[in-house]
Amino acid sequence: MATTTHEPLPGKAPEPRLSDSGNGGWRNLVPTEGDLREVQNYAPPPASTGIWVGVFAISMTFAAFTSALIVRQGSALDWRHVPLPGILYVNTALLLASSVTLELARRQIARYMGGLRSEVQHPGQWLYVTLGLGWLFVAGQYLAWRQLRAQGMYLSSNPGSAFFYVLTAAHALHVLGGLGGLIHVIRKLRQGVLRRSTLVAAARYWHFMDVLWIYLLLLLWIKL
């Protein structure tokens, strides 16, 4: 059976398709002008998939640490109470604030890439604030370790202090990985090739670090 095609009427431009729209339904950070130089037309799912795989692996790792802590505490005769340094609560506030600034950054970048460039002069400013808060958190963790050392509690002093150092150091290393992700996002934004999937993946990982830290702080407060 023969098929027919409809040619556009003379002088009438073809109607745009949804997939050709400027922001692509916010699948990509594409400006309304459709400048493909700034971002590719397709955001692959591996960025998001990789983050979820990483979150699952990290969750299993810290679940194993938790199980080991509970078992070791129940069978240890040399377990000593570890007073939590007060700076940990300041660090918690810094990390929670960084999640807020990261969400502000996401909204600002969305407006900028959505065509409101005249209203958003510096789309990455909140990303830099988030990055700074993250570094302050890591520095605060280092100060917490120094405070414990000043009290004579080292990694090998007793099982309680050992778990404190291991858990907080492991979390700080993962936070450093998140800081690397934020630096990558900032670089892509400055180059004008930032994908929405990249920003979302970095944000999800960073928020997960917040949730994980709250869990660890409660665990240390209850068990140590």
C-alpha atoms as a PDB file:
ATOM      1  CA  MET A   1       0.000   0.000   0.000  1.00  0.00           C
ATOM      2  CA  ALA A   2       1.380   3.344  -0.970  1.00  0.00           C
ATOM      3  CA  THR A   3       2.000   5.938   1.695  1.00  0.00           C
ATOM      4  CA  THR A   4       1.630   9.660   1.349  1.00  0.00           C
ATOM      5  CA  THR A   5       3.663  12.430   2.871  1.00  0.00           C
ATOM      6  CA  HIS A   6       2.547  15.947   3.515  1.00  0.00           C
ATOM      7  CA  GLU A   7       4.879  18.709   2.431  1.00  0.00           C
ATOM      8  CA  PRO A   8       4.820  21.937   4.431  1.00  0.00           C
ATOM      9  CA  LEU A   9       2.853  24.756   2.870  1.00  0.00           C
ATOM     10  CA  PRO A  10       4.902  27.399   1.076  1.00  0.00           C
ATOM     11  CA  GLY A  11       5.981  30.179   3.403  1.00  0.00           C
ATOM     12  CA  LYS A  12       5.060  28.203   6.522  1.00  0.00           C
ATOM     13  CA  ALA A  13       7.846  26.874   8.723  1.00  0.00           C
ATOM     14  CA  PRO A  14       7.446  23.333  10.045  1.00  0.00           C
ATOM     15  CA  GLU A  15       6.192  23.102  13.604  1.00  0.00           C
ATOM     16  CA  PRO A  16       8.952  22.354  16.122  1.00  0.00           C
ATOM     17  CA  ARG A  17       9.015  18.959  17.744  1.00  0.00           C
ATOM     18  CA  LEU A  18       9.179  18.488  21.489  1.00  0.00           C
ATOM     19  CA  SER A  19      12.606  16.908  21.232  1.00  0.00           C
ATOM     20  CA  ASP A  20      13.911  20.051  19.545  1.00  0.00           C
ATOM     21  CA  SER A  21      12.809  22.375  22.331  1.00  0.00           C
ATOM     22  CA  GLY A  22      15.336  24.536  24.048  1.00  0.00           C
ATOM     23  CA  ASN A  23      15.426  22.792  27.396  1.00  0.00           C
ATOM     24  CA  GLY A  24      14.303  19.340  26.303  1.00  0.00           C
ATOM     25  CA  GLY A  25      11.945  19.017  29.264  1.00  0.00           C
ATOM     26  CA  TRP A  26      14.997  19.763  31.474  1.00  0.00           C
ATOM     27  CA  ARG A  27      16.620  16.539  30.330  1.00  0.00           C
ATOM     28  CA  ASN A  28      19.674  18.583  29.444  1.00  0.00           C
ATOM     29  CA  LEU A  29      20.838  22.032  30.435  1.00  0.00           C
ATOM     30  CA  VAL A  30      20.162  23.394  26.941  1.00  0.00           C
ATOM     31  CA  PRO A  31      19.511  27.119  26.497  1.00  0.00           C
ATOM     32  CA  THR A  32      16.331  28.141  24.735  1.00  0.00           C
ATOM     33  CA  GLU A  33      18.364  29.182  21.705  1.00  0.00           C
ATOM     34  CA  GLY A  34      19.274  25.508  21.237  1.00  0.00           C
ATOM     35  CA  ASP A  35      23.035  26.039  21.128  1.00  0.00           C
ATOM     36  CA  LEU A  36      24.300  22.486  20.709  1.00  0.00           C
ATOM     37  CA  ARG A  37      27.829  23.666  21.302  1.00  0.00           C
ATOM     38  CA  GLU A  38      26.995  24.194  24.952  1.00  0.00           C
ATOM     39  CA  VAL A  39      25.484  20.793  25.625  1.00  0.00           C
ATOM     40  CA  GLN A  40      24.868  17.640  23.665  1.00  0.00           C
ATOM     41  CA  ASN A  41      21.343  16.679  22.695  1.00  0.00           C
ATOM     42  CA  TYR A  42      21.228  13.458  24.673  1.00  0.00           C
ATOM     43  CA  ALA A  43      22.036  12.936  28.349  1.00  0.00           C
ATOM     44  CA  PRO A  44      22.988   9.295  28.855  1.00  0.00           C
ATOM     45  CA  PRO A  45      21.647   7.468  31.903  1.00  0.00           C
ATOM     46  CA  PRO A  46      24.989   5.935  33.049  1.00  0.00           C
ATOM     47  CA  ALA A  47      25.769   9.003  35.183  1.00  0.00           C
ATOM     48  CA  SER A  48      22.627   8.488  37.250  1.00  0.00           C
ATOM     49  CA  THR A  49      22.967   4.706  37.239  1.00  0.00           C
ATOM     50  CA  GLY A  50      26.572   4.904  38.377  1.00  0.00           C
ATOM     51  CA  ILE A  51      25.643   7.111  41.323  1.00  0.00           C
ATOM     52  CA  TRP A  52      22.982   4.672  42.524  1.00  0.00           C
ATOM     53  CA  VAL A  53      25.441   1.786  42.241  1.00  0.00           C
ATOM     54  CA  GLY A  54      27.976   3.800  44.217  1.00  0.00           C
ATOM     55  CA  VAL A  55      25.425   4.734  46.864  1.00  0.00           C
ATOM     56  CA  PHE A  56      24.469   1.077  47.280  1.00  0.00           C
ATOM     57  CA  ALA A  57      28.098  -0.023  47.574  1.00  0.00           C
ATOM     58  CA  ILE A  58      28.903   2.682  50.123  1.00  0.00           C
ATOM     59  CA  SER A  59      25.772   1.816  52.124  1.00  0.00           C
ATOM     60  CA  MET A  60      26.811  -1.835  52.274  1.00  0.00           C
ATOM     61  CA  THR A  61      30.309  -0.846  53.400  1.00  0.00           C
ATOM     62  CA  PHE A  62      29.081   1.251  56.290  1.00  0.00           C
ATOM     63  CA  ALA A  63      26.480  -1.371  57.171  1.00  0.00           C
ATOM     64  CA  ALA A  64      29.376  -3.812  57.569  1.00  0.00           C
ATOM     65  CA  PHE A  65      31.206  -1.294  59.765  1.00  0.00           C
ATOM     66  CA  THR A  66      28.084  -0.897  61.890  1.00  0.00           C
ATOM     67  CA  SER A  67      27.703  -4.633  62.319  1.00  0.00           C
ATOM     68  CA  ALA A  68      31.362  -4.980  63.284  1.00  0.00           C
ATOM     69  CA  LEU A  69      31.033  -2.162  65.829  1.00  0.00           C
ATOM     70  CA  ILE A  70      27.982  -3.706  67.490  1.00  0.00           C
ATOM     71  CA  VAL A  71      29.536  -7.175  67.652  1.00  0.00           C
ATOM     72  CA  ARG A  72      32.868  -5.857  68.930  1.00  0.00           C
ATOM     73  CA  GLN A  73      31.242  -3.732  71.612  1.00  0.00           C
ATOM     74  CA  GLY A  74      29.158  -6.638  72.852  1.00  0.00           C
ATOM     75  CA  SER A  75      32.155  -8.920  73.263  1.00  0.00           C
ATOM     76  CA  ALA A  76      34.845  -6.450  74.370  1.00  0.00           C
ATOM     77  CA  LEU A  77      36.032  -6.115  77.959  1.00  0.00           C
ATOM     78  CA  ASP A  78      38.382  -3.276  77.057  1.00  0.00           C
ATOM     79  CA  TRP A  79      35.732  -0.989  75.557  1.00  0.00           C
ATOM     80  CA  ARG A  80      36.073   2.614  76.736  1.00  0.00           C
ATOM     81  CA  HIS A  81      33.674   5.505  76.288  1.00  0.00           C
ATOM     82  CA  VAL A  82      34.796   8.019  73.659  1.00  0.00           C
ATOM     83  CA  PRO A  83      33.592  11.604  74.259  1.00  0.00           C
ATOM     84  CA  LEU A  84      32.566  13.098  70.941  1.00  0.00           C
ATOM     85  CA  PRO A  85      34.396  16.359  70.151  1.00  0.00           C
ATOM     86  CA  GLY A  86      32.036  19.328  70.136  1.00  0.00           C
ATOM     87  CA  ILE A  87      33.248  20.445  66.722  1.00  0.00           C
ATOM     88  CA  LEU A  88      31.419  17.491  65.179  1.00  0.00           C
ATOM     89  CA  TYR A  89      28.152  19.354  65.644  1.00  0.00           C
ATOM     90  CA  VAL A  90      29.583  22.421  63.910  1.00  0.00           C
ATOM     91  CA  ASN A  91      30.716  20.152  61.086  1.00  0.00           C
ATOM     92  CA  THR A  92      27.204  18.738  60.851  1.00  0.00           C
ATOM     93  CA  ALA A  93      25.763  22.235  60.448  1.00  0.00           C
ATOM     94  CA  LEU A  94      28.308  22.982  57.720  1.00  0.00           C
ATOM     95  CA  LEU A  95      27.428  19.842  55.783  1.00  0.00           C
ATOM     96  CA  LEU A  96      23.688  20.451  56.044  1.00  0.00           C
ATOM     97  CA  ALA A  97      24.181  24.037  54.904  1.00  0.00           C
ATOM     98  CA  SER A  98      26.135  22.771  51.897  1.00  0.00           C
ATOM     99  CA  SER A  99      23.113  20.752  50.774  1.00  0.00           C
ATOM    100  CA  VAL A 100      20.990  23.889  50.917  1.00  0.00           C
ATOM    101  CA  THR A 101      23.468  25.893  48.866  1.00  0.00           C
ATOM    102  CA  LEU A 102      23.748  23.054  46.349  1.00  0.00           C
ATOM    103  CA  GLU A 103      19.993  23.112  45.772  1.00  0.00           C
ATOM    104  CA  LEU A 104      20.184  26.889  45.335  1.00  0.00           C
ATOM    105  CA  ALA A 105      22.904  26.287  42.759  1.00  0.00           C
ATOM    106  CA  ARG A 106      20.747  23.794  40.868  1.00  0.00           C
ATOM    107  CA  ARG A 107      17.871  26.271  40.636  1.00  0.00           C
ATOM    108  CA  GLN A 108      20.138  29.102  39.595  1.00  0.00           C
ATOM    109  CA  ILE A 109      21.794  27.030  36.868  1.00  0.00           C
ATOM    110  CA  ALA A 110      18.394  25.879  35.608  1.00  0.00           C
ATOM    111  CA  ARG A 111      17.285  29.511  35.233  1.00  0.00           C
ATOM    112  CA  TYR A 112      20.523  30.463  33.547  1.00  0.00           C
ATOM    113  CA  MET A 113      20.400  27.635  31.033  1.00  0.00           C
ATOM    114  CA  GLY A 114      16.675  28.177  30.560  1.00  0.00           C
ATOM    115  CA  GLY A 115      17.297  31.513  28.910  1.00  0.00           C
ATOM    116  CA  LEU A 116      17.254  33.892  31.893  1.00  0.00           C
ATOM    117  CA  ARG A 117      20.903  34.831  31.566  1.00  0.00           C
ATOM    118  CA  SER A 118      20.230  38.511  32.133  1.00  0.00           C
ATOM    119  CA  GLU A 119      18.838  37.676  35.581  1.00  0.00           C
ATOM    120  CA  VAL A 120      21.621  35.252  36.542  1.00  0.00           C
ATOM    121  CA  GLN A 121      25.025  36.844  36.112  1.00  0.00           C
ATOM    122  CA  HIS A 122      27.007  34.242  38.055  1.00  0.00           C
ATOM    123  CA  PRO A 123      25.324  30.815  37.751  1.00  0.00           C
ATOM    124  CA  GLY A 124      28.086  28.979  39.585  1.00  0.00           C
ATOM    125  CA  GLN A 125      28.357  31.154  42.683  1.00  0.00           C
ATOM    126  CA  TRP A 126      26.406  28.781  44.925  1.00  0.00           C
ATOM    127  CA  LEU A 127      28.485  25.873  43.668  1.00  0.00           C
ATOM    128  CA  TYR A 128      31.583  27.657  44.947  1.00  0.00           C
ATOM    129  CA  VAL A 129      29.861  28.232  48.302  1.00  0.00           C
ATOM    130  CA  THR A 130      28.993  24.518  48.465  1.00  0.00           C
ATOM    131  CA  LEU A 131      32.561  23.620  47.634  1.00  0.00           C
ATOM    132  CA  GLY A 132      33.866  25.899  50.365  1.00  0.00           C
ATOM    133  CA  LEU A 133      31.504  24.453  52.971  1.00  0.00           C
ATOM    134  CA  GLY A 134      32.605  20.962  51.992  1.00  0.00           C
ATOM    135  CA  TRP A 135      36.250  21.814  52.527  1.00  0.00           C
ATOM    136  CA  LEU A 136      35.404  23.386  55.885  1.00  0.00           C
ATOM    137  CA  PHE A 137      33.690  20.132  56.881  1.00  0.00           C
ATOM    138  CA  VAL A 138      36.782  18.096  56.041  1.00  0.00           C
ATOM    139  CA  ALA A 139      38.979  20.562  57.918  1.00  0.00           C
ATOM    140  CA  GLY A 140      36.608  20.336  60.895  1.00  0.00           C
ATOM    141  CA  GLN A 141      36.899  16.553  60.908  1.00  0.00           C
ATOM    142  CA  TYR A 142      40.665  16.883  61.052  1.00  0.00           C
ATOM    143  CA  LEU A 143      40.316  19.208  64.050  1.00  0.00           C
ATOM    144  CA  ALA A 144      38.060  16.616  65.718  1.00  0.00           C
ATOM    145  CA  TRP A 145      40.772  13.982  65.318  1.00  0.00           C
ATOM    146  CA  ARG A 146      43.321  16.358  66.822  1.00  0.00           C
ATOM    147  CA  GLN A 147      41.046  16.998  69.783  1.00  0.00           C
ATOM    148  CA  LEU A 148      40.813  13.267  70.442  1.00  0.00           C
ATOM    149  CA  ARG A 149      44.570  12.921  70.179  1.00  0.00           C
ATOM    150  CA  ALA A 150      44.960  15.758  72.701  1.00  0.00           C
ATOM    151  CA  GLN A 151      42.846  13.671  75.090  1.00  0.00           C
ATOM    152  CA  GLY A 152      45.191  10.708  74.640  1.00  0.00           C
ATOM    153  CA  MET A 153      42.851   8.721  72.394  1.00  0.00           C
ATOM    154  CA  TYR A 154      44.513   7.270  69.336  1.00  0.00           C
ATOM    155  CA  LEU A 155      43.575   4.691  66.746  1.00  0.00           C
ATOM    156  CA  SER A 156      45.062   1.896  68.845  1.00  0.00           C
ATOM    157  CA  SER A 157      44.019   3.197  72.275  1.00  0.00           C
ATOM    158  CA  ASN A 158      40.848   1.086  72.521  1.00  0.00           C
ATOM    159  CA  PRO A 159      38.184  -0.406  70.230  1.00  0.00           C
ATOM    160  CA  GLY A 160      35.875   2.577  70.672  1.00  0.00           C
ATOM    161  CA  SER A 161      38.415   5.141  69.508  1.00  0.00           C
ATOM    162  CA  ALA A 162      39.474   2.846  66.669  1.00  0.00           C
ATOM    163  CA  PHE A 163      35.930   2.725  65.328  1.00  0.00           C
ATOM    164  CA  PHE A 164      35.615   6.497  65.664  1.00  0.00           C
ATOM    165  CA  TYR A 165      38.690   7.127  63.539  1.00  0.00           C
ATOM    166  CA  VAL A 166      37.803   4.478  60.954  1.00  0.00           C
ATOM    167  CA  LEU A 167      34.194   5.582  60.481  1.00  0.00           C
ATOM    168  CA  THR A 168      34.871   9.316  60.354  1.00  0.00           C
ATOM    169  CA  ALA A 169      37.933   8.909  58.116  1.00  0.00           C
ATOM    170  CA  ALA A 170      36.061   6.659  55.684  1.00  0.00           C
ATOM    171  CA  HIS A 171      33.251   9.189  55.472  1.00  0.00           C
ATOM    172  CA  ALA A 172      35.698  12.079  54.982  1.00  0.00           C
ATOM    173  CA  LEU A 173      37.328  10.216  52.083  1.00  0.00           C
ATOM    174  CA  HIS A 174      33.944   9.821  50.408  1.00  0.00           C
ATOM    175  CA  VAL A 175      33.239  13.518  50.979  1.00  0.00           C
ATOM    176  CA  LEU A 176      36.507  14.293  49.194  1.00  0.00           C
ATOM    177  CA  GLY A 177      35.179  12.252  46.296  1.00  0.00           C
ATOM    178  CA  GLY A 178      32.049  14.403  46.331  1.00  0.00           C
ATOM    179  CA  LEU A 179      34.187  17.539  46.298  1.00  0.00           C
ATOM    180  CA  GLY A 180      35.925  16.186  43.229  1.00  0.00           C
ATOM    181  CA  GLY A 181      32.506  15.748  41.621  1.00  0.00           C
ATOM    182  CA  LEU A 182      31.580  19.356  42.393  1.00  0.00           C
ATOM    183  CA  ILE A 183      34.839  20.573  40.889  1.00  0.00           C
ATOM    184  CA  HIS A 184      34.013  18.570  37.761  1.00  0.00           C
ATOM    185  CA  VAL A 185      30.561  20.188  37.603  1.00  0.00           C
ATOM    186  CA  ILE A 186      32.057  23.675  37.973  1.00  0.00           C
ATOM    187  CA  ARG A 187      34.555  23.001  35.204  1.00  0.00           C
ATOM    188  CA  LYS A 188      31.843  21.739  32.849  1.00  0.00           C
ATOM    189  CA  LEU A 189      29.672  24.741  33.645  1.00  0.00           C
ATOM    190  CA  ARG A 190      32.502  27.149  32.868  1.00  0.00           C
ATOM    191  CA  GLN A 191      33.143  25.335  29.584  1.00  0.00           C
ATOM    192  CA  GLY A 192      29.430  25.532  28.710  1.00  0.00           C
ATOM    193  CA  VAL A 193      29.002  21.760  28.287  1.00  0.00           C
ATOM    194  CA  LEU A 194      27.290  20.840  31.555  1.00  0.00           C
ATOM    195  CA  ARG A 195      24.701  18.088  31.318  1.00  0.00           C
ATOM    196  CA  ARG A 196      21.718  18.016  33.624  1.00  0.00           C
ATOM    197  CA  SER A 197      22.486  14.359  34.402  1.00  0.00           C
ATOM    198  CA  THR A 198      25.969  15.328  35.605  1.00  0.00           C
ATOM    199  CA  LEU A 199      24.626  17.985  37.964  1.00  0.00           C
ATOM    200  CA  VAL A 200      21.866  15.718  39.283  1.00  0.00           C
ATOM    201  CA  ALA A 201      24.290  12.847  39.881  1.00  0.00           C
ATOM    202  CA  ALA A 202      26.707  15.080  41.806  1.00  0.00           C
ATOM    203  CA  ALA A 203      23.856  16.524  43.892  1.00  0.00           C
ATOM    204  CA  ARG A 204      22.445  13.104  44.751  1.00  0.00           C
ATOM    205  CA  TYR A 205      25.839  11.880  45.894  1.00  0.00           C
ATOM    206  CA  TRP A 206      26.395  14.982  48.001  1.00  0.00           C
ATOM    207  CA  HIS A 207      22.996  14.728  49.686  1.00  0.00           C
ATOM    208  CA  PHE A 208      23.703  11.067  50.381  1.00  0.00           C
ATOM    209  CA  MET A 209      26.902  12.110  52.164  1.00  0.00           C
ATOM    210  CA  ASP A 210      24.745  14.337  54.397  1.00  0.00           C
ATOM    211  CA  VAL A 211      22.350  11.525  55.256  1.00  0.00           C
ATOM    212  CA  LEU A 212      25.225   9.124  55.855  1.00  0.00           C
ATOM    213  CA  TRP A 213      26.937  11.561  58.211  1.00  0.00           C
ATOM    214  CA  ILE A 214      23.777  12.091  60.277  1.00  0.00           C
ATOM    215  CA  TYR A 215      23.503   8.318  60.598  1.00  0.00           C
ATOM    216  CA  LEU A 216      27.137   7.982  61.646  1.00  0.00           C
ATOM    217  CA  LEU A 217      26.876  10.803  64.177  1.00  0.00           C
ATOM    218  CA  LEU A 218      23.862   9.153  65.808  1.00  0.00           C
ATOM    219  CA  LEU A 219      25.624   5.787  65.757  1.00  0.00           C
ATOM    220  CA  LEU A 220      28.735   7.224  67.421  1.00  0.00           C
ATOM    221  CA  TRP A 221      26.679   9.151  69.957  1.00  0.00           C
ATOM    222  CA  ILE A 222      24.681   6.063  70.962  1.00  0.00           C
ATOM    223  CA  LYS A 223      27.392   3.412  70.830  1.00  0.00           C
ATOM    224  CA  LEU A 224      30.541   5.240  71.846  1.00  0.00           C
END
